[in-house]
Amino acid sequence: MKIDLTETTASKINKALVEGRRAVGTPAIGMVLTLVIVTDEENAYDALKAANEASREHPSRTLVVIKRVSRSPRDRAKARLDAEVRVGTEAGTGETVVLRLYGEAIDHAQSVVLPLLLPDAPVVVWWAVNAPLNPAKDPLGALAQRRVTDAYASEQPIQELSARAETYTPGDTDLSWTRITPWRSMLAAALDQAPCTVTSAEVEGEEFNPSCELLAMWLASRLNVPVTRKVSAGPGLTAVRMESSSGTIVLDRPDGSLATLSMRNQPDRAVALKRRVTSELLAEELRRLDPDDIYAAALKYGVDRLGHQAEGKTSEEPAAADSASAKPAAKKAPAKKAAAK
């Protein structure tokens, strides 16, 4: 069921939600959180589709905030709010409100969203595109316990990681980090199966993919070894190689679907490492609302401290050389086990 409201207010939207629930025969509220999606008109459909699919696991009230561009000075000076209320099958297992803000209302989105939040329920804000430099200081981000960005959707994803590190606040996370959860779990499991001392590592993946940098920074921060970033044709992450006291450990995924784990004195094993869609990534992030300390440590390690390899030549940063003289990785075994999310 859809209810269109033009030049409306938050109180009228709340009234329409109640009427919509009664009309479809579900007057009770069975939602566990409020998900606020900040996007533009171009990406609204994909973001809303992902949220609806994620709502099967996390029934929620989804508020989609779309800031429309005003063409004339008169339109920019006039505040206007249009809304589209969706309940029942149109909104997955929860309910959805699409908010289109015009004029001065764009600068006061938090005032529109605040009356529509579920009472006594967590709030998660997801910027599908154009995330602010400091999500925690953003007026909408200040309402949330969890703030989700996606560096991959930015024009300069690697520089975006550096900005995220400078402004990190507990509760921040990024879908580029969520994408590497299966990789981190598999690598941590491989080190548990073959206790050894890791001396160096190499992460291979397509250029300008922030997930590759995050995985490299995670390895460097957890193992205290120099990590080299190598560029490949993709798709996404393609391989991780770790040199250890017991031989080379390789996790190779050339096709974006099936990977092969190779370890010394053990047969090669096929591992499912499918590239996941946005709805799966969002559902994973909604499972936890506490700060992700492992993400914070990896992010703050710094992209500029990684070694880089391209066209067969390797250039290592001074910090990588300092890492090589650090304490052996074997003394940090507990950290390896805690690395998996």
C-alpha atoms as a PDB file:
ATOM      1  CA  MET A   1       0.000   0.000   0.000  1.00  0.00           C
ATOM      2  CA  LYS A   2       1.284   3.460  -0.964  1.00  0.00           C
ATOM      3  CA  ILE A   3       0.146   6.828   0.352  1.00  0.00           C
ATOM      4  CA  ASP A   4       1.410   9.974  -1.402  1.00  0.00           C
ATOM      5  CA  LEU A   5       1.607  13.192   0.600  1.00  0.00           C
ATOM      6  CA  THR A   6       2.455  16.547  -0.998  1.00  0.00           C
ATOM      7  CA  GLU A   7       3.635  19.582   0.983  1.00  0.00           C
ATOM      8  CA  THR A   8       3.122  17.638   4.168  1.00  0.00           C
ATOM      9  CA  THR A   9       4.412  17.567   7.753  1.00  0.00           C
ATOM     10  CA  ALA A  10       5.822  14.950  10.118  1.00  0.00           C
ATOM     11  CA  SER A  11       2.539  14.699  12.022  1.00  0.00           C
ATOM     12  CA  LYS A  12       0.613  13.948   8.836  1.00  0.00           C
ATOM     13  CA  ILE A  13       3.189  11.289   7.914  1.00  0.00           C
ATOM     14  CA  ASN A  14       2.798   9.601  11.307  1.00  0.00           C
ATOM     15  CA  LYS A  15      -0.973   9.652  10.866  1.00  0.00           C
ATOM     16  CA  ALA A  16      -0.626   8.086   7.417  1.00  0.00           C
ATOM     17  CA  LEU A  17       1.561   5.315   8.867  1.00  0.00           C
ATOM     18  CA  VAL A  18      -1.103   4.451  11.441  1.00  0.00           C
ATOM     19  CA  GLU A  19      -3.850   4.462   8.809  1.00  0.00           C
ATOM     20  CA  GLY A  20      -1.724   2.344   6.476  1.00  0.00           C
ATOM     21  CA  ARG A  21      -1.055  -0.295   9.142  1.00  0.00           C
ATOM     22  CA  ARG A  22      -4.729  -0.515   9.959  1.00  0.00           C
ATOM     23  CA  ALA A  23      -5.646  -0.799   6.285  1.00  0.00           C
ATOM     24  CA  VAL A  24      -3.353  -3.795   5.749  1.00  0.00           C
ATOM     25  CA  GLY A  25      -4.414  -5.408   9.029  1.00  0.00           C
ATOM     26  CA  THR A  26      -1.198  -4.988  11.052  1.00  0.00           C
ATOM     27  CA  PRO A  27      -1.858  -2.227  13.608  1.00  0.00           C
ATOM     28  CA  ALA A  28       0.942  -3.416  15.924  1.00  0.00           C
ATOM     29  CA  ILE A  29       4.553  -2.280  15.472  1.00  0.00           C
ATOM     30  CA  GLY A  30       7.000  -5.191  15.305  1.00  0.00           C
ATOM     31  CA  MET A  31      10.116  -3.356  14.147  1.00  0.00           C
ATOM     32  CA  VAL A  32      13.478  -3.469  15.929  1.00  0.00           C
ATOM     33  CA  LEU A  33      15.211  -0.315  14.665  1.00  0.00           C
ATOM     34  CA  THR A  34      14.974   2.781  12.485  1.00  0.00           C
ATOM     35  CA  LEU A  35      17.130   2.812   9.363  1.00  0.00           C
ATOM     36  CA  VAL A  36      17.717   6.263   7.866  1.00  0.00           C
ATOM     37  CA  ILE A  37      19.017   6.196   4.292  1.00  0.00           C
ATOM     38  CA  VAL A  38      20.542   9.395   2.918  1.00  0.00           C
ATOM     39  CA  THR A  39      20.818   9.287  -0.857  1.00  0.00           C
ATOM     40  CA  ASP A  40      19.976  11.111  -4.076  1.00  0.00           C
ATOM     41  CA  GLU A  41      17.239  10.477  -6.604  1.00  0.00           C
ATOM     42  CA  GLU A  42      19.545   8.511  -8.903  1.00  0.00           C
ATOM     43  CA  ASN A  43      20.562   5.954  -6.276  1.00  0.00           C
ATOM     44  CA  ALA A  44      17.364   5.879  -4.222  1.00  0.00           C
ATOM     45  CA  TYR A  45      15.879   2.828  -5.962  1.00  0.00           C
ATOM     46  CA  ASP A  46      18.933   0.611  -5.417  1.00  0.00           C
ATOM     47  CA  ALA A  47      19.364   1.743  -1.800  1.00  0.00           C
ATOM     48  CA  LEU A  48      15.698   1.148  -0.991  1.00  0.00           C
ATOM     49  CA  LYS A  49      15.757  -2.269  -2.649  1.00  0.00           C
ATOM     50  CA  ALA A  50      18.762  -3.287  -0.540  1.00  0.00           C
ATOM     51  CA  ALA A  51      17.061  -2.019   2.632  1.00  0.00           C
ATOM     52  CA  ASN A  52      13.850  -3.930   1.866  1.00  0.00           C
ATOM     53  CA  GLU A  53      15.789  -7.160   1.389  1.00  0.00           C
ATOM     54  CA  ALA A  54      17.753  -6.569   4.596  1.00  0.00           C
ATOM     55  CA  SER A  55      14.465  -5.964   6.456  1.00  0.00           C
ATOM     56  CA  ARG A  56      13.649  -9.661   6.124  1.00  0.00           C
ATOM     57  CA  GLU A  57      16.300 -10.230   8.775  1.00  0.00           C
ATOM     58  CA  HIS A  58      15.879  -6.906  10.594  1.00  0.00           C
ATOM     59  CA  PRO A  59      12.295  -5.567  10.463  1.00  0.00           C
ATOM     60  CA  SER A  60      12.687  -1.808  10.568  1.00  0.00           C
ATOM     61  CA  ARG A  61      11.149   1.530   9.804  1.00  0.00           C
ATOM     62  CA  THR A  62      13.091   2.835   6.823  1.00  0.00           C
ATOM     63  CA  LEU A  63      13.281   6.587   6.282  1.00  0.00           C
ATOM     64  CA  VAL A  64      14.742   7.553   2.908  1.00  0.00           C
ATOM     65  CA  VAL A  65      15.989  11.148   2.868  1.00  0.00           C
ATOM     66  CA  ILE A  66      16.331  12.603  -0.638  1.00  0.00           C
ATOM     67  CA  LYS A  67      17.548  16.188  -0.873  1.00  0.00           C
ATOM     68  CA  ARG A  68      16.200  17.673  -4.094  1.00  0.00           C
ATOM     69  CA  VAL A  69      18.046  20.473  -5.892  1.00  0.00           C
ATOM     70  CA  SER A  70      16.088  23.714  -6.191  1.00  0.00           C
ATOM     71  CA  ARG A  71      16.517  25.474  -9.531  1.00  0.00           C
ATOM     72  CA  SER A  72      15.570  29.058  -8.638  1.00  0.00           C
ATOM     73  CA  PRO A  73      16.290  31.405  -5.681  1.00  0.00           C
ATOM     74  CA  ARG A  74      12.563  31.470  -4.906  1.00  0.00           C
ATOM     75  CA  ASP A  75      12.441  27.656  -4.644  1.00  0.00           C
ATOM     76  CA  ARG A  76      15.562  27.598  -2.477  1.00  0.00           C
ATOM     77  CA  ALA A  77      13.985  30.031  -0.026  1.00  0.00           C
ATOM     78  CA  LYS A  78      10.783  27.994   0.287  1.00  0.00           C
ATOM     79  CA  ALA A  79      10.746  24.915   2.519  1.00  0.00           C
ATOM     80  CA  ARG A  80       8.738  21.969   1.233  1.00  0.00           C
ATOM     81  CA  LEU A  81       8.373  18.320   2.186  1.00  0.00           C
ATOM     82  CA  ASP A  82       6.833  15.599   0.028  1.00  0.00           C
ATOM     83  CA  ALA A  83       6.475  12.047   1.329  1.00  0.00           C
ATOM     84  CA  GLU A  84       5.580   8.598   0.098  1.00  0.00           C
ATOM     85  CA  VAL A  85       4.414   6.161   2.777  1.00  0.00           C
ATOM     86  CA  ARG A  86       4.705   2.440   2.037  1.00  0.00           C
ATOM     87  CA  VAL A  87       3.347  -0.335   4.216  1.00  0.00           C
ATOM     88  CA  GLY A  88       2.583  -4.007   3.679  1.00  0.00           C
ATOM     89  CA  THR A  89       4.210  -5.815   0.763  1.00  0.00           C
ATOM     90  CA  GLU A  90       5.509  -2.507  -0.629  1.00  0.00           C
ATOM     91  CA  ALA A  91       7.860  -2.126   2.338  1.00  0.00           C
ATOM     92  CA  GLY A  92       9.251  -5.606   2.964  1.00  0.00           C
ATOM     93  CA  THR A  93       8.671  -6.722   6.550  1.00  0.00           C
ATOM     94  CA  GLY A  94       8.645  -3.187   7.975  1.00  0.00           C
ATOM     95  CA  GLU A  95       7.436   0.169   6.751  1.00  0.00           C
ATOM     96  CA  THR A  96       9.025   2.780   4.544  1.00  0.00           C
ATOM     97  CA  VAL A  97       8.750   6.546   4.243  1.00  0.00           C
ATOM     98  CA  VAL A  98      10.421   8.283   1.294  1.00  0.00           C
ATOM     99  CA  LEU A  99      11.064  11.918   2.203  1.00  0.00           C
ATOM    100  CA  ARG A 100      11.835  14.458  -0.518  1.00  0.00           C
ATOM    101  CA  LEU A 101      13.137  17.736   0.877  1.00  0.00           C
ATOM    102  CA  TYR A 102      13.148  21.028  -1.020  1.00  0.00           C
ATOM    103  CA  GLY A 103      14.521  24.475  -0.308  1.00  0.00           C
ATOM    104  CA  GLU A 104      15.390  25.356   3.276  1.00  0.00           C
ATOM    105  CA  ALA A 105      14.142  21.973   4.503  1.00  0.00           C
ATOM    106  CA  ILE A 106      17.318  20.445   3.071  1.00  0.00           C
ATOM    107  CA  ASP A 107      19.389  22.127   5.787  1.00  0.00           C
ATOM    108  CA  HIS A 108      17.097  20.842   8.537  1.00  0.00           C
ATOM    109  CA  ALA A 109      16.660  17.191   7.594  1.00  0.00           C
ATOM    110  CA  GLN A 110      17.158  16.127  11.209  1.00  0.00           C
ATOM    111  CA  SER A 111      14.069  18.113  12.247  1.00  0.00           C
ATOM    112  CA  VAL A 112      12.001  16.181   9.713  1.00  0.00           C
ATOM    113  CA  VAL A 113      13.435  12.777  10.653  1.00  0.00           C
ATOM    114  CA  LEU A 114      13.375  13.118  14.456  1.00  0.00           C
ATOM    115  CA  PRO A 115       9.547  12.899  14.920  1.00  0.00           C
ATOM    116  CA  LEU A 116       9.453   9.811  12.681  1.00  0.00           C
ATOM    117  CA  LEU A 117      11.954   7.702  14.645  1.00  0.00           C
ATOM    118  CA  LEU A 118      10.646   4.625  16.414  1.00  0.00           C
ATOM    119  CA  PRO A 119      10.468   5.229  20.177  1.00  0.00           C
ATOM    120  CA  ASP A 120      13.041   3.395  22.325  1.00  0.00           C
ATOM    121  CA  ALA A 121      14.657   1.737  19.301  1.00  0.00           C
ATOM    122  CA  PRO A 122      18.207   2.000  17.897  1.00  0.00           C
ATOM    123  CA  VAL A 123      18.847   4.322  14.963  1.00  0.00           C
ATOM    124  CA  VAL A 124      21.197   3.504  12.085  1.00  0.00           C
ATOM    125  CA  VAL A 125      22.065   6.061   9.404  1.00  0.00           C
ATOM    126  CA  TRP A 126      23.388   4.837   6.046  1.00  0.00           C
ATOM    127  CA  TRP A 127      24.796   7.223   3.471  1.00  0.00           C
ATOM    128  CA  ALA A 128      24.463   5.316   0.193  1.00  0.00           C
ATOM    129  CA  VAL A 129      26.371   8.117  -1.607  1.00  0.00           C
ATOM    130  CA  ASN A 130      27.964  11.456  -0.723  1.00  0.00           C
ATOM    131  CA  ALA A 131      28.728  10.683   2.903  1.00  0.00           C
ATOM    132  CA  PRO A 132      29.882  13.632   5.061  1.00  0.00           C
ATOM    133  CA  LEU A 133      33.541  13.901   6.017  1.00  0.00           C
ATOM    134  CA  ASN A 134      32.617  13.506   9.687  1.00  0.00           C
ATOM    135  CA  PRO A 135      29.493  11.308   9.980  1.00  0.00           C
ATOM    136  CA  ALA A 136      29.270  11.695  13.771  1.00  0.00           C
ATOM    137  CA  LYS A 137      29.119  15.501  13.491  1.00  0.00           C
ATOM    138  CA  ASP A 138      26.480  15.428  10.766  1.00  0.00           C
ATOM    139  CA  PRO A 139      23.020  16.456  12.102  1.00  0.00           C
ATOM    140  CA  LEU A 140      21.516  13.149  10.965  1.00  0.00           C
ATOM    141  CA  GLY A 141      24.518  11.134  12.125  1.00  0.00           C
ATOM    142  CA  ALA A 142      24.195  12.653  15.603  1.00  0.00           C
ATOM    143  CA  LEU A 143      20.819  10.888  15.949  1.00  0.00           C
ATOM    144  CA  ALA A 144      22.292   7.421  15.356  1.00  0.00           C
ATOM    145  CA  GLN A 145      24.064   4.763  17.375  1.00  0.00           C
ATOM    146  CA  ARG A 146      25.566   3.362  14.178  1.00  0.00           C
ATOM    147  CA  ARG A 147      26.719   5.289  11.096  1.00  0.00           C
ATOM    148  CA  VAL A 148      27.341   3.392   7.860  1.00  0.00           C
ATOM    149  CA  THR A 149      29.248   4.847   4.904  1.00  0.00           C
ATOM    150  CA  ASP A 150      30.632   3.351   1.690  1.00  0.00           C
ATOM    151  CA  ALA A 151      34.026   4.601   0.559  1.00  0.00           C
ATOM    152  CA  TYR A 152      33.687   2.596  -2.657  1.00  0.00           C
ATOM    153  CA  ALA A 153      30.865   4.940  -3.762  1.00  0.00           C
ATOM    154  CA  SER A 154      33.066   8.047  -3.483  1.00  0.00           C
ATOM    155  CA  GLU A 155      35.091   9.597  -6.285  1.00  0.00           C
ATOM    156  CA  GLN A 156      38.397   9.166  -4.422  1.00  0.00           C
ATOM    157  CA  PRO A 157      37.943   6.059  -2.249  1.00  0.00           C
ATOM    158  CA  ILE A 158      41.521   5.793  -0.980  1.00  0.00           C
ATOM    159  CA  GLN A 159      41.600   9.419   0.145  1.00  0.00           C
ATOM    160  CA  GLU A 160      38.206   8.796   1.713  1.00  0.00           C
ATOM    161  CA  LEU A 161      39.773   6.185   4.015  1.00  0.00           C
ATOM    162  CA  SER A 162      42.309   8.728   5.255  1.00  0.00           C
ATOM    163  CA  ALA A 163      39.524  11.201   6.000  1.00  0.00           C
ATOM    164  CA  ARG A 164      37.544   8.498   7.829  1.00  0.00           C
ATOM    165  CA  ALA A 165      40.591   7.736   9.996  1.00  0.00           C
ATOM    166  CA  GLU A 166      40.962  11.381  11.043  1.00  0.00           C
ATOM    167  CA  THR A 167      37.310  11.765  12.018  1.00  0.00           C
ATOM    168  CA  TYR A 168      36.581   8.256  13.321  1.00  0.00           C
ATOM    169  CA  THR A 169      34.061   8.091  16.167  1.00  0.00           C
ATOM    170  CA  PRO A 170      32.942   4.847  17.867  1.00  0.00           C
ATOM    171  CA  GLY A 171      29.890   3.674  15.956  1.00  0.00           C
ATOM    172  CA  ASP A 172      31.291   4.510  12.514  1.00  0.00           C
ATOM    173  CA  THR A 173      31.676   1.728   9.961  1.00  0.00           C
ATOM    174  CA  ASP A 174      31.986   1.318   6.204  1.00  0.00           C
ATOM    175  CA  LEU A 175      30.607  -1.231   3.759  1.00  0.00           C
ATOM    176  CA  SER A 176      34.103  -1.539   2.261  1.00  0.00           C
ATOM    177  CA  TRP A 177      35.088  -3.092   5.602  1.00  0.00           C
ATOM    178  CA  THR A 178      32.030  -5.346   5.633  1.00  0.00           C
ATOM    179  CA  ARG A 179      32.960  -6.713   2.201  1.00  0.00           C
ATOM    180  CA  ILE A 180      36.139  -8.307   3.567  1.00  0.00           C
ATOM    181  CA  THR A 181      34.552 -10.149   6.516  1.00  0.00           C
ATOM    182  CA  PRO A 182      34.753 -13.571   4.750  1.00  0.00           C
ATOM    183  CA  TRP A 183      38.381 -12.901   3.804  1.00  0.00           C
ATOM    184  CA  ARG A 184      39.327 -12.011   7.366  1.00  0.00           C
ATOM    185  CA  SER A 185      37.553 -15.064   8.739  1.00  0.00           C
ATOM    186  CA  MET A 186      39.274 -17.389   6.270  1.00  0.00           C
ATOM    187  CA  LEU A 187      42.748 -15.935   6.840  1.00  0.00           C
ATOM    188  CA  ALA A 188      42.365 -16.082  10.627  1.00  0.00           C
ATOM    189  CA  ALA A 189      41.202 -19.706  10.349  1.00  0.00           C
ATOM    190  CA  ALA A 190      44.188 -20.562   8.137  1.00  0.00           C
ATOM    191  CA  LEU A 191      46.623 -19.208  10.732  1.00  0.00           C
ATOM    192  CA  ASP A 192      44.858 -21.175  13.474  1.00  0.00           C
ATOM    193  CA  GLN A 193      45.225 -24.388  11.452  1.00  0.00           C
ATOM    194  CA  ALA A 194      48.949 -23.912  10.915  1.00  0.00           C
ATOM    195  CA  PRO A 195      50.535 -22.060  13.877  1.00  0.00           C
ATOM    196  CA  CYS A 196      53.484 -20.115  12.507  1.00  0.00           C
ATOM    197  CA  THR A 197      55.277 -16.785  12.492  1.00  0.00           C
ATOM    198  CA  VAL A 198      54.174 -14.522   9.655  1.00  0.00           C
ATOM    199  CA  THR A 199      57.013 -12.361   8.316  1.00  0.00           C
ATOM    200  CA  SER A 200      55.312 -10.431   5.487  1.00  0.00           C
ATOM    201  CA  ALA A 201      52.113 -10.291   3.465  1.00  0.00           C
ATOM    202  CA  GLU A 202      50.834  -9.104   0.117  1.00  0.00           C
ATOM    203  CA  VAL A 203      47.264  -8.088  -0.787  1.00  0.00           C
ATOM    204  CA  GLU A 204      46.331  -8.131  -4.454  1.00  0.00           C
ATOM    205  CA  GLY A 205      43.240  -6.459  -5.904  1.00  0.00           C
ATOM    206  CA  GLU A 206      41.906  -3.937  -8.356  1.00  0.00           C
ATOM    207  CA  GLU A 207      43.044  -0.331  -8.170  1.00  0.00           C
ATOM    208  CA  PHE A 208      41.032   2.233  -6.187  1.00  0.00           C
ATOM    209  CA  ASN A 209      39.246  -0.487  -4.225  1.00  0.00           C
ATOM    210  CA  PRO A 210      39.160   0.563  -0.538  1.00  0.00           C
ATOM    211  CA  SER A 211      38.435  -2.998   0.607  1.00  0.00           C
ATOM    212  CA  CYS A 212      41.897  -4.037  -0.563  1.00  0.00           C
ATOM    213  CA  GLU A 213      43.533  -1.265   1.456  1.00  0.00           C
ATOM    214  CA  LEU A 214      41.459  -2.077   4.520  1.00  0.00           C
ATOM    215  CA  LEU A 215      42.405  -5.750   4.358  1.00  0.00           C
ATOM    216  CA  ALA A 216      46.083  -4.827   4.016  1.00  0.00           C
ATOM    217  CA  MET A 217      45.874  -2.423   6.960  1.00  0.00           C
ATOM    218  CA  TRP A 218      44.070  -5.072   9.022  1.00  0.00           C
ATOM    219  CA  LEU A 219      46.855  -7.596   8.394  1.00  0.00           C
ATOM    220  CA  ALA A 220      49.547  -5.035   9.168  1.00  0.00           C
ATOM    221  CA  SER A 221      47.911  -3.866  12.388  1.00  0.00           C
ATOM    222  CA  ARG A 222      47.107  -7.358  13.687  1.00  0.00           C
ATOM    223  CA  LEU A 223      50.282  -9.211  12.646  1.00  0.00           C
ATOM    224  CA  ASN A 224      52.760  -6.334  13.000  1.00  0.00           C
ATOM    225  CA  VAL A 225      54.474  -7.198   9.711  1.00  0.00           C
ATOM    226  CA  PRO A 226      55.141  -5.233   6.485  1.00  0.00           C
ATOM    227  CA  VAL A 227      52.269  -5.575   4.015  1.00  0.00           C
ATOM    228  CA  THR A 228      52.524  -4.797   0.301  1.00  0.00           C
ATOM    229  CA  ARG A 229      49.563  -3.673  -1.781  1.00  0.00           C
ATOM    230  CA  LYS A 230      49.642  -5.045  -5.367  1.00  0.00           C
ATOM    231  CA  VAL A 231      47.325  -3.912  -8.159  1.00  0.00           C
ATOM    232  CA  SER A 232      45.531  -6.484 -10.327  1.00  0.00           C
ATOM    233  CA  ALA A 233      42.757  -6.442 -12.915  1.00  0.00           C
ATOM    234  CA  GLY A 234      40.186  -7.588 -10.334  1.00  0.00           C
ATOM    235  CA  PRO A 235      37.351  -8.139  -9.836  1.00  0.00           C
ATOM    236  CA  GLY A 236      37.683  -6.747  -6.314  1.00  0.00           C
ATOM    237  CA  LEU A 237      40.118  -8.610  -4.091  1.00  0.00           C
ATOM    238  CA  THR A 238      41.946 -11.314  -5.996  1.00  0.00           C
ATOM    239  CA  ALA A 239      44.608 -12.775  -3.673  1.00  0.00           C
ATOM    240  CA  VAL A 240      46.373 -12.608  -0.314  1.00  0.00           C
ATOM    241  CA  ARG A 241      49.838 -14.121   0.178  1.00  0.00           C
ATOM    242  CA  MET A 242      51.502 -14.471   3.569  1.00  0.00           C
ATOM    243  CA  GLU A 243      55.123 -15.536   4.008  1.00  0.00           C
ATOM    244  CA  SER A 244      55.557 -17.492   7.220  1.00  0.00           C
ATOM    245  CA  SER A 245      57.988 -19.761   9.034  1.00  0.00           C
ATOM    246  CA  SER A 246      56.061 -22.780   7.732  1.00  0.00           C
ATOM    247  CA  GLY A 247      55.892 -21.643   4.100  1.00  0.00           C
ATOM    248  CA  THR A 248      53.675 -19.468   1.935  1.00  0.00           C
ATOM    249  CA  ILE A 249      49.949 -19.242   2.661  1.00  0.00           C
ATOM    250  CA  VAL A 250      47.923 -18.190  -0.387  1.00  0.00           C
ATOM    251  CA  LEU A 251      44.221 -17.368  -0.659  1.00  0.00           C
ATOM    252  CA  ASP A 252      43.553 -16.807  -4.360  1.00  0.00           C
ATOM    253  CA  ARG A 253      40.231 -15.746  -5.921  1.00  0.00           C
ATOM    254  CA  PRO A 254      40.693 -14.897  -9.606  1.00  0.00           C
ATOM    255  CA  ASP A 255      37.030 -14.940 -10.671  1.00  0.00           C
ATOM    256  CA  GLY A 256      35.240 -13.140  -7.814  1.00  0.00           C
ATOM    257  CA  SER A 257      33.395 -16.283  -6.748  1.00  0.00           C
ATOM    258  CA  LEU A 258      35.497 -19.335  -5.861  1.00  0.00           C
ATOM    259  CA  ALA A 259      38.823 -19.098  -4.034  1.00  0.00           C
ATOM    260  CA  THR A 260      41.617 -21.590  -3.429  1.00  0.00           C
ATOM    261  CA  LEU A 261      43.455 -21.827  -0.104  1.00  0.00           C
ATOM    262  CA  SER A 262      46.998 -23.199  -0.479  1.00  0.00           C
ATOM    263  CA  MET A 263      49.197 -24.117   2.473  1.00  0.00           C
ATOM    264  CA  ARG A 264      52.425 -26.062   2.730  1.00  0.00           C
ATOM    265  CA  ASN A 265      52.083 -29.821   3.282  1.00  0.00           C
ATOM    266  CA  GLN A 266      48.297 -29.593   2.847  1.00  0.00           C
ATOM    267  CA  PRO A 267      46.098 -30.176  -0.218  1.00  0.00           C
ATOM    268  CA  ASP A 268      44.574 -27.130  -1.893  1.00  0.00           C
ATOM    269  CA  ARG A 269      41.043 -26.395  -0.730  1.00  0.00           C
ATOM    270  CA  ALA A 270      38.229 -24.674  -2.613  1.00  0.00           C
ATOM    271  CA  VAL A 271      36.572 -21.899  -0.609  1.00  0.00           C
ATOM    272  CA  ALA A 272      33.341 -20.058  -1.453  1.00  0.00           C
ATOM    273  CA  LEU A 273      34.160 -16.321  -1.414  1.00  0.00           C
ATOM    274  CA  LYS A 274      31.364 -14.877  -3.521  1.00  0.00           C
ATOM    275  CA  ARG A 275      31.170 -11.123  -3.934  1.00  0.00           C
ATOM    276  CA  ARG A 276      28.158 -10.133  -1.867  1.00  0.00           C
ATOM    277  CA  VAL A 277      25.365  -7.751  -2.816  1.00  0.00           C
ATOM    278  CA  THR A 278      24.595  -4.581  -0.875  1.00  0.00           C
ATOM    279  CA  SER A 279      21.598  -6.052   0.954  1.00  0.00           C
ATOM    280  CA  GLU A 280      23.784  -8.795   2.478  1.00  0.00           C
ATOM    281  CA  LEU A 281      26.378  -6.232   3.575  1.00  0.00           C
ATOM    282  CA  LEU A 282      23.727  -4.011   5.130  1.00  0.00           C
ATOM    283  CA  ALA A 283      22.103  -6.941   6.940  1.00  0.00           C
ATOM    284  CA  GLU A 284      25.483  -7.867   8.443  1.00  0.00           C
ATOM    285  CA  GLU A 285      26.051  -4.346   9.736  1.00  0.00           C
ATOM    286  CA  LEU A 286      22.591  -4.232  11.306  1.00  0.00           C
ATOM    287  CA  ARG A 287      23.413  -7.335  13.376  1.00  0.00           C
ATOM    288  CA  ARG A 288      25.706  -5.361  15.632  1.00  0.00           C
ATOM    289  CA  LEU A 289      25.198  -1.877  17.033  1.00  0.00           C
ATOM    290  CA  ASP A 290      28.295  -1.688  19.235  1.00  0.00           C
ATOM    291  CA  PRO A 291      31.568  -0.002  18.160  1.00  0.00           C
ATOM    292  CA  ASP A 292      33.844  -2.076  15.928  1.00  0.00           C
ATOM    293  CA  ASP A 293      37.269  -1.747  17.555  1.00  0.00           C
ATOM    294  CA  ILE A 294      38.992  -3.963  14.967  1.00  0.00           C
ATOM    295  CA  TYR A 295      37.785  -1.706  12.153  1.00  0.00           C
ATOM    296  CA  ALA A 296      39.016   1.336  14.074  1.00  0.00           C
ATOM    297  CA  ALA A 297      42.495  -0.159  14.532  1.00  0.00           C
ATOM    298  CA  ALA A 298      42.782  -1.113  10.869  1.00  0.00           C
ATOM    299  CA  LEU A 299      41.513   2.264   9.674  1.00  0.00           C
ATOM    300  CA  LYS A 300      43.886   4.226  11.893  1.00  0.00           C
ATOM    301  CA  TYR A 301      46.896   2.191  10.739  1.00  0.00           C
ATOM    302  CA  GLY A 302      47.034   4.459   7.688  1.00  0.00           C
ATOM    303  CA  VAL A 303      47.029   3.836   3.953  1.00  0.00           C
ATOM    304  CA  ASP A 304      50.350   5.662   3.521  1.00  0.00           C
ATOM    305  CA  ARG A 305      52.155   3.069   5.670  1.00  0.00           C
ATOM    306  CA  LEU A 306      51.535   0.265   3.179  1.00  0.00           C
ATOM    307  CA  GLY A 307      54.125  -0.822   0.646  1.00  0.00           C
ATOM    308  CA  HIS A 308      53.000  -0.660  -2.988  1.00  0.00           C
ATOM    309  CA  GLN A 309      53.920  -2.839  -5.934  1.00  0.00           C
ATOM    310  CA  ALA A 310      53.151  -2.116  -9.579  1.00  0.00           C
ATOM    311  CA  GLU A 311      54.675  -3.316 -12.867  1.00  0.00           C
ATOM    312  CA  GLY A 312      57.004  -5.664 -11.060  1.00  0.00           C
ATOM    313  CA  LYS A 313      58.629  -2.956  -8.900  1.00  0.00           C
ATOM    314  CA  THR A 314      58.179  -2.645  -5.166  1.00  0.00           C
ATOM    315  CA  SER A 315      58.435   0.538  -3.117  1.00  0.00           C
ATOM    316  CA  GLU A 316      58.195   0.183   0.649  1.00  0.00           C
ATOM    317  CA  GLU A 317      57.438   3.026   3.000  1.00  0.00           C
ATOM    318  CA  PRO A 318      59.774   3.628   5.974  1.00  0.00           C
ATOM    319  CA  ALA A 319      57.000   2.523   8.298  1.00  0.00           C
ATOM    320  CA  ALA A 320      57.005  -0.877   6.641  1.00  0.00           C
ATOM    321  CA  ALA A 321      60.696  -1.254   7.402  1.00  0.00           C
ATOM    322  CA  ASP A 322      60.022  -0.287  11.014  1.00  0.00           C
ATOM    323  CA  SER A 323      57.337  -2.979  11.181  1.00  0.00           C
ATOM    324  CA  ALA A 324      59.833  -5.606  10.019  1.00  0.00           C
ATOM    325  CA  SER A 325      62.002  -4.936  13.081  1.00  0.00           C
ATOM    326  CA  ALA A 326      59.072  -5.172  15.464  1.00  0.00           C
ATOM    327  CA  LYS A 327      58.411  -8.084  17.801  1.00  0.00           C
ATOM    328  CA  PRO A 328      57.768 -11.459  16.139  1.00  0.00           C
ATOM    329  CA  ALA A 329      54.154 -12.035  15.084  1.00  0.00           C
ATOM    330  CA  ALA A 330      54.034 -15.327  17.029  1.00  0.00           C
ATOM    331  CA  LYS A 331      53.790 -13.356  20.277  1.00  0.00           C
ATOM    332  CA  LYS A 332      50.550 -11.821  19.017  1.00  0.00           C
ATOM    333  CA  ALA A 333      48.725 -15.103  18.477  1.00  0.00           C
ATOM    334  CA  PRO A 334      45.735 -14.075  20.616  1.00  0.00           C
ATOM    335  CA  ALA A 335      45.261 -11.052  18.366  1.00  0.00           C
ATOM    336  CA  LYS A 336      45.063 -13.302  15.316  1.00  0.00           C
ATOM    337  CA  LYS A 337      42.196 -15.240  16.799  1.00  0.00           C
ATOM    338  CA  ALA A 338      40.382 -12.082  17.747  1.00  0.00           C
ATOM    339  CA  ALA A 339      40.749 -10.636  14.253  1.00  0.00           C
ATOM    340  CA  ALA A 340      37.806 -12.460  12.719  1.00  0.00           C
ATOM    341  CA  LYS A 341      34.589 -10.517  13.017  1.00  0.00           C
END
